Protein backbone atom coordinates (compact mmCIF):
# COMPACT_ATOMS: atom_id res chain seq x y z
CA UNK A 1 -1.99 14.84 -8.96
CA UNK A 2 -3.59 11.45 -9.50
CA UNK A 3 -1.84 9.34 -12.10
CA UNK A 4 -2.57 5.82 -13.32
CA UNK A 5 0.07 4.56 -10.87
CA UNK A 6 -1.74 6.34 -8.05
CA UNK A 7 -5.06 4.81 -9.06
CA UNK A 8 -3.45 1.39 -9.14
CA UNK A 9 -1.88 1.98 -5.73
CA UNK A 10 -5.21 3.04 -4.24
CA UNK A 11 -6.93 -0.04 -5.69
CA UNK A 12 -4.29 -2.32 -4.19
CA UNK A 13 -4.57 -0.59 -0.79
CA UNK A 14 -8.36 -0.86 -0.90
CA UNK A 15 -8.08 -4.58 -1.70
CA UNK A 16 -5.65 -5.00 1.20
CA UNK A 17 -8.06 -3.27 3.59
CA UNK A 18 -10.98 -5.44 2.48
CA UNK A 19 -8.91 -8.58 3.01
CA UNK A 20 -7.75 -7.34 6.44
CA UNK A 21 -11.27 -6.39 7.56
CA UNK A 22 -12.67 -9.74 6.47
CA UNK A 23 -9.89 -11.60 8.28
CA UNK A 24 -10.50 -9.60 11.47
CA UNK A 25 -14.13 -10.73 11.52
CA UNK A 26 -12.94 -14.36 11.59
CA UNK A 27 -10.18 -13.90 14.17
CA UNK A 28 -10.67 -16.05 17.24
CA UNK A 29 -8.22 -14.56 19.70
CA UNK A 30 -6.44 -11.34 20.61
CA UNK A 31 -3.17 -12.82 19.41
CA UNK A 32 -4.55 -13.73 16.00
CA UNK A 33 -5.91 -10.17 15.69
CA UNK A 34 -2.50 -8.73 16.50
CA UNK A 35 -0.82 -11.07 14.02
CA UNK A 36 -3.25 -9.90 11.35
CA UNK A 37 -2.50 -6.28 12.22
CA UNK A 38 1.27 -6.72 12.03
CA UNK A 39 1.01 -8.55 8.71
CA UNK A 40 -1.30 -5.83 7.36
CA UNK A 41 1.05 -3.08 8.56
CA UNK A 42 4.04 -4.74 6.91
CA UNK A 43 2.12 -5.07 3.65
CA UNK A 44 1.11 -1.39 3.83
CA UNK A 45 4.70 -0.27 4.42
CA UNK A 46 5.89 -2.32 1.45
CA UNK A 47 3.17 -0.92 -0.84
CA UNK A 48 3.86 2.67 0.22
CA UNK A 49 7.61 2.28 -0.22
CA UNK A 50 7.10 0.81 -3.71
CA UNK A 51 4.63 3.56 -4.65
CA UNK A 52 6.91 6.36 -3.48
CA UNK A 53 9.84 4.83 -5.35
CA UNK A 54 7.79 4.81 -8.56
CA UNK A 55 6.77 8.44 -8.01
CA UNK A 56 10.38 9.49 -7.41
CA UNK A 57 11.40 7.80 -10.67
CA UNK A 58 8.74 9.86 -12.45
CA UNK A 59 9.99 13.06 -10.81
CA UNK A 60 13.56 12.29 -11.86
CA UNK A 61 12.43 11.81 -15.45
CA UNK A 62 10.59 15.16 -15.38
CA UNK A 63 13.63 16.89 -13.87
CA UNK A 64 15.80 15.64 -16.74
CA UNK A 65 13.60 17.56 -19.18
CA UNK A 66 14.50 20.82 -17.43
CA UNK A 67 18.25 20.18 -17.36
């Protein structure tokens, strides 16, 4: 199920990937590439955690209707 929150999440992830790809093209060393990767990974983990938390809140609200 794709909700407005999901669409927003996908837009943010897409923006993050564009920024990461552009930065990789300008990287001048292996170390700078790895630093970009680790920063990108951390951002992804944060976004996913936030997104899943929002989805769980929605599920909890729906569950309350059944109780």
